[in-house]
Protein backbone atom coordinates (compact mmCIF):
# COMPACT_ATOMS: atom_id res chain seq x y z
CA MET A 1 87.92 82.10 111.20
CA ASP A 2 84.38 82.36 111.04
CA ARG A 3 83.41 78.41 110.32
CA ALA A 4 83.43 76.01 108.71
CA ARG A 5 81.61 74.41 105.83
CA SER A 6 80.95 71.62 103.77
CA GLY A 7 78.81 70.74 100.87
CA GLY A 8 78.32 69.03 97.56
CA ASN A 9 76.77 69.87 94.06
CA GLY A 10 73.76 67.60 94.62
CA ARG A 11 73.86 65.76 91.79
CA THR A 12 76.99 63.70 92.60
CA ASP A 13 78.75 61.85 95.73
CA ASP A 14 81.61 64.64 95.67
CA HIS A 15 81.78 66.76 99.21
CA PHE A 16 84.16 69.03 100.13
CA TRP A 17 85.30 70.68 103.26
CA TYR A 18 86.75 74.16 103.64
CA ASP A 19 87.19 77.05 105.96
CA ASP A 20 85.53 80.37 105.49
CA TYR A 21 87.59 83.02 106.82
CA SER A 22 87.58 86.85 106.79
CA TYR A 23 90.70 87.98 105.13
CA GLU A 24 92.35 90.99 106.39
CA GLY A 25 93.86 93.19 104.09
CA SER A 26 96.21 95.96 103.51
CA VAL A 27 98.23 98.01 101.23
CA LYS A 28 101.48 95.84 101.15
CA GLY A 29 99.38 92.64 100.98
CA ILE A 30 98.24 90.31 103.65
CA LYS A 31 99.02 86.56 102.96
CA HIS A 32 96.53 83.94 103.85
CA LYS A 33 96.83 80.24 102.51
CA LEU A 34 92.92 78.48 101.40
CA LYS A 35 93.17 74.86 102.10
CA VAL A 36 90.14 72.91 100.57
CA ASP A 37 89.63 69.14 101.20
CA VAL A 38 87.47 66.84 98.58
CA TRP A 39 86.02 63.56 98.91
CA ARG A 40 84.71 61.53 95.81
CA ARG A 41 83.28 58.30 96.33
CA ASP A 42 85.38 55.82 94.02
CA ASN A 43 83.83 52.77 92.11
CA ASP A 44 84.56 51.15 95.25
CA GLY A 45 82.40 53.05 97.21
CA ASN A 46 85.52 54.23 98.98
CA PHE A 47 86.00 58.19 100.00
CA PRO A 48 89.43 58.73 99.06
CA GLN A 49 90.11 62.35 99.83
CA ASP A 50 92.39 64.96 97.80
CA THR A 51 93.72 68.29 99.97
CA VAL A 52 93.71 71.45 97.71
CA GLU A 53 95.83 74.64 98.50
CA LYS A 54 96.26 78.09 97.45
CA ASN A 55 98.30 81.01 99.04
CA PHE A 56 97.24 84.49 97.97
CA ARG A 57 97.38 88.09 99.62
CA VAL A 58 94.39 90.38 99.72
CA TYR A 59 95.46 94.26 99.43
CA GLN A 60 92.92 96.74 101.14
CA PRO A 61 93.38 100.64 99.46
CA ILE A 62 94.09 103.86 101.33
CA VAL A 63 91.46 106.08 100.28
CA ILE A 64 91.36 109.78 100.72
CA SER A 65 88.13 111.09 99.18
CA GLY A 66 85.20 113.23 99.29
CA ILE A 67 83.70 116.72 99.01
CA LYS A 68 86.16 119.25 101.28
CA PRO A 69 84.31 121.08 103.96
CA SER A 70 84.91 124.43 104.61
CA THR A 71 86.17 125.49 108.41
CA TRP A 72 86.83 128.38 110.14
CA GLU A 73 91.19 128.61 108.50
CA LYS A 74 89.73 127.71 105.14
CA PRO A 75 86.33 129.23 104.93
CA THR A 76 85.81 128.79 100.34
CA VAL A 77 86.34 125.44 98.91
CA THR A 78 85.74 124.71 95.32
CA GLY A 79 82.72 121.81 95.84
CA VAL A 80 84.85 119.50 94.11
CA SER A 81 84.42 115.87 95.02
CA GLY A 82 88.01 114.08 94.84
CA TYR A 83 88.74 110.43 95.42
CA ASN A 84 92.78 109.62 95.79
CA GLU A 85 93.45 106.02 96.12
CA LEU A 86 96.97 104.04 96.48
CA SER A 87 95.57 100.18 95.34
CA ARG A 88 99.21 98.71 96.17
CA HIS A 89 102.38 99.13 97.43
CA TYR A 90 103.79 96.00 97.23
CA PHE A 91 106.99 93.08 96.32
CA ASP A 92 106.20 91.08 93.04
CA GLY A 93 109.56 89.53 93.35
CA THR A 94 111.41 91.77 91.24
CA ASP A 95 110.40 95.39 91.71
CA ILE A 96 108.47 97.32 94.62
CA ILE A 97 105.33 98.64 92.85
CA MET A 98 103.29 101.93 93.57
CA ASP A 99 99.48 101.52 92.49
CA GLY A 100 96.90 104.04 92.48
CA TYR A 101 95.07 106.41 90.80
CA VAL A 102 93.26 109.46 91.04
CA TYR A 103 89.42 111.16 90.11
CA ALA A 104 87.49 114.18 90.11
CA TYR A 105 84.09 115.53 89.75
CA ASN A 106 83.21 118.94 89.87
CA ALA A 107 78.72 119.32 90.11
CA THR A 108 79.45 123.30 91.11
CA ASP A 109 78.72 125.98 88.31
CA ASN A 110 82.64 126.78 89.42
CA ILE A 111 85.17 126.34 86.16
CA CYS A 112 88.25 124.27 88.55
CA GLU A 113 91.38 123.03 87.12
CA MET A 114 92.54 119.57 88.18
CA SER A 115 95.73 118.53 88.77
CA ALA A 116 97.62 115.26 90.34
CA TRP A 117 100.79 113.65 90.22
CA PHE A 118 102.40 110.30 92.15
CA ARG A 119 105.81 110.24 93.85
CA HIS A 120 107.70 107.09 94.72
CA SER A 121 110.64 107.89 97.01
CA ASN A 122 113.44 106.34 99.05
CA PHE A 123 114.53 109.06 101.68
CA ALA A 124 117.55 106.81 102.79
CA THR A 125 119.52 106.35 99.39
CA GLY A 126 117.65 110.09 97.77
CA TRP A 127 116.28 107.74 95.04
CA ARG A 128 112.94 109.08 94.13
CA GLN A 129 110.59 109.10 90.61
CA GLU A 130 107.99 111.66 90.27
CA HIS A 131 105.16 111.34 87.36
CA SER A 132 102.79 114.33 87.23
CA ALA A 133 98.93 113.83 85.26
CA PRO A 134 97.63 115.99 82.74
CA THR A 135 95.98 119.24 84.05
CA GLU A 136 92.28 119.47 82.97
CA ASP A 137 89.55 122.03 83.49
CA ILE A 138 86.46 120.98 85.09
CA GLY A 139 83.03 121.80 84.74
CA PRO A 140 80.12 123.15 84.22
CA ASP A 141 78.71 121.00 81.28
CA PRO A 142 75.41 123.08 78.97
CA GLU A 143 73.09 121.04 81.26
CA GLY A 144 74.58 121.91 84.34
CA LYS A 145 75.29 118.59 85.82
CA GLY A 146 79.41 119.16 85.83
CA ILE A 147 81.73 117.10 84.25
CA LYS A 148 83.70 114.68 85.49
CA ARG A 149 87.63 113.72 84.82
CA THR A 150 89.46 110.86 85.49
CA TYR A 151 93.33 110.59 85.90
CA GLY A 152 93.38 106.68 85.55
CA PRO A 153 92.96 104.59 86.23
CA TYR A 154 96.67 105.42 86.50
CA TYR A 155 99.30 101.89 86.80
CA THR A 156 102.81 102.46 87.73
CA ASP A 157 105.21 102.14 84.71
CA SER A 158 108.45 100.27 85.44
CA SER A 159 110.72 102.89 84.73
CA ILE A 160 108.87 105.63 86.90
CA LEU A 161 107.30 104.70 89.55
CA ASN A 162 108.63 100.74 90.16
CA TYR A 163 111.88 100.99 92.57
CA HIS A 164 114.14 98.11 90.73
CA VAL A 165 115.69 95.43 93.60
CA GLY A 166 115.81 92.64 91.19
CA ARG A 167 115.91 89.41 93.39
CA PRO A 168 114.80 88.48 96.98
CA ILE A 169 115.05 90.41 99.92
CA GLY A 170 117.47 89.13 102.06
CA GLU A 171 117.06 87.77 105.35
CA GLU A 172 118.03 90.67 107.54
CA GLU A 173 116.97 93.34 105.07
CA GLU A 174 114.91 95.87 105.25
CA ILE A 175 113.55 98.72 102.76
CA THR A 176 111.43 101.94 103.21
CA LEU A 177 109.65 103.30 100.77
CA ASN A 178 107.67 106.37 100.95
CA VAL A 179 104.71 106.68 98.50
CA HIS A 180 102.97 109.68 97.52
CA ILE A 181 99.75 110.62 95.43
CA HIS A 182 98.36 114.50 95.56
CA LEU A 183 95.34 115.65 93.83
CA ASP A 184 94.69 119.63 93.25
CA ALA A 185 91.45 121.49 92.63
CA ASP A 186 91.68 124.84 92.05
CA GLY A 187 88.86 126.90 91.88
CA ASN A 188 86.32 128.93 93.02
CA GLY A 189 89.17 131.09 94.50
CA THR A 190 91.01 128.68 96.60
CA THR A 191 92.99 125.15 96.26
CA ASP A 192 91.50 121.97 98.00
CA THR A 193 94.11 118.92 98.65
CA TRP A 194 93.27 115.34 98.61
CA HIS A 195 96.11 113.46 99.85
CA GLY A 196 98.21 111.94 102.58
CA ILE A 197 100.28 114.95 104.15
CA ASP A 198 103.49 113.22 104.09
CA GLY A 199 102.54 110.39 102.05
CA PHE A 200 102.52 106.83 103.06
CA ASP A 201 105.56 105.05 104.23
CA ASN A 202 106.21 101.43 103.93
CA THR A 203 108.80 99.02 104.99
CA PHE A 204 109.26 95.32 102.91
CA ASP A 205 111.38 92.08 104.30
CA LYS A 206 111.95 88.82 103.51
CA ASN A 207 108.16 88.36 104.34
CA ASP A 208 106.89 90.50 101.34
CA ASN A 209 108.71 88.51 99.35
CA PRO A 210 105.89 86.41 96.65
């Protein structure tokens, strides 16, 4: 908690007091509660108090982005700027949902082919769903500024990348799922890739119920 604040609107006798937090987030969403105490002056000059509480989650995406640098192992790169975001991987009470997208920008003089795919897997049961995004050629444009293409924002389809649970997660139950978003750029005689090497594993339990 950073500090607590109080205040009013400057025109009435209404006042409030609330805690000012820096809320931590994660790709699964971290639960928080905001509590606001409100005092209102009534006709008798008293200040009865009302308390309002709000439960919410804060999400923090996982992002892999930028222009790939050359190395001694891979001295040639495409020069494309790629953006790979796993926005959320969360349980809504019925499905565990993978939500993410990719984006690419080519400011080079090379014609590059972009491709991407999204995968949601349960290694314990062998369940897997995968969705491939359209393949597109990008750059250069007639003005030499490059052409940008986006594969999204891409949001999951319940029949493709949502893992169906159909009920709240039980007291002793754990469900571990792997999410993998993969973006490739082919051009300039090489391939650049933006992804988590083995994807990202998340384990869901009763604490992830809405």
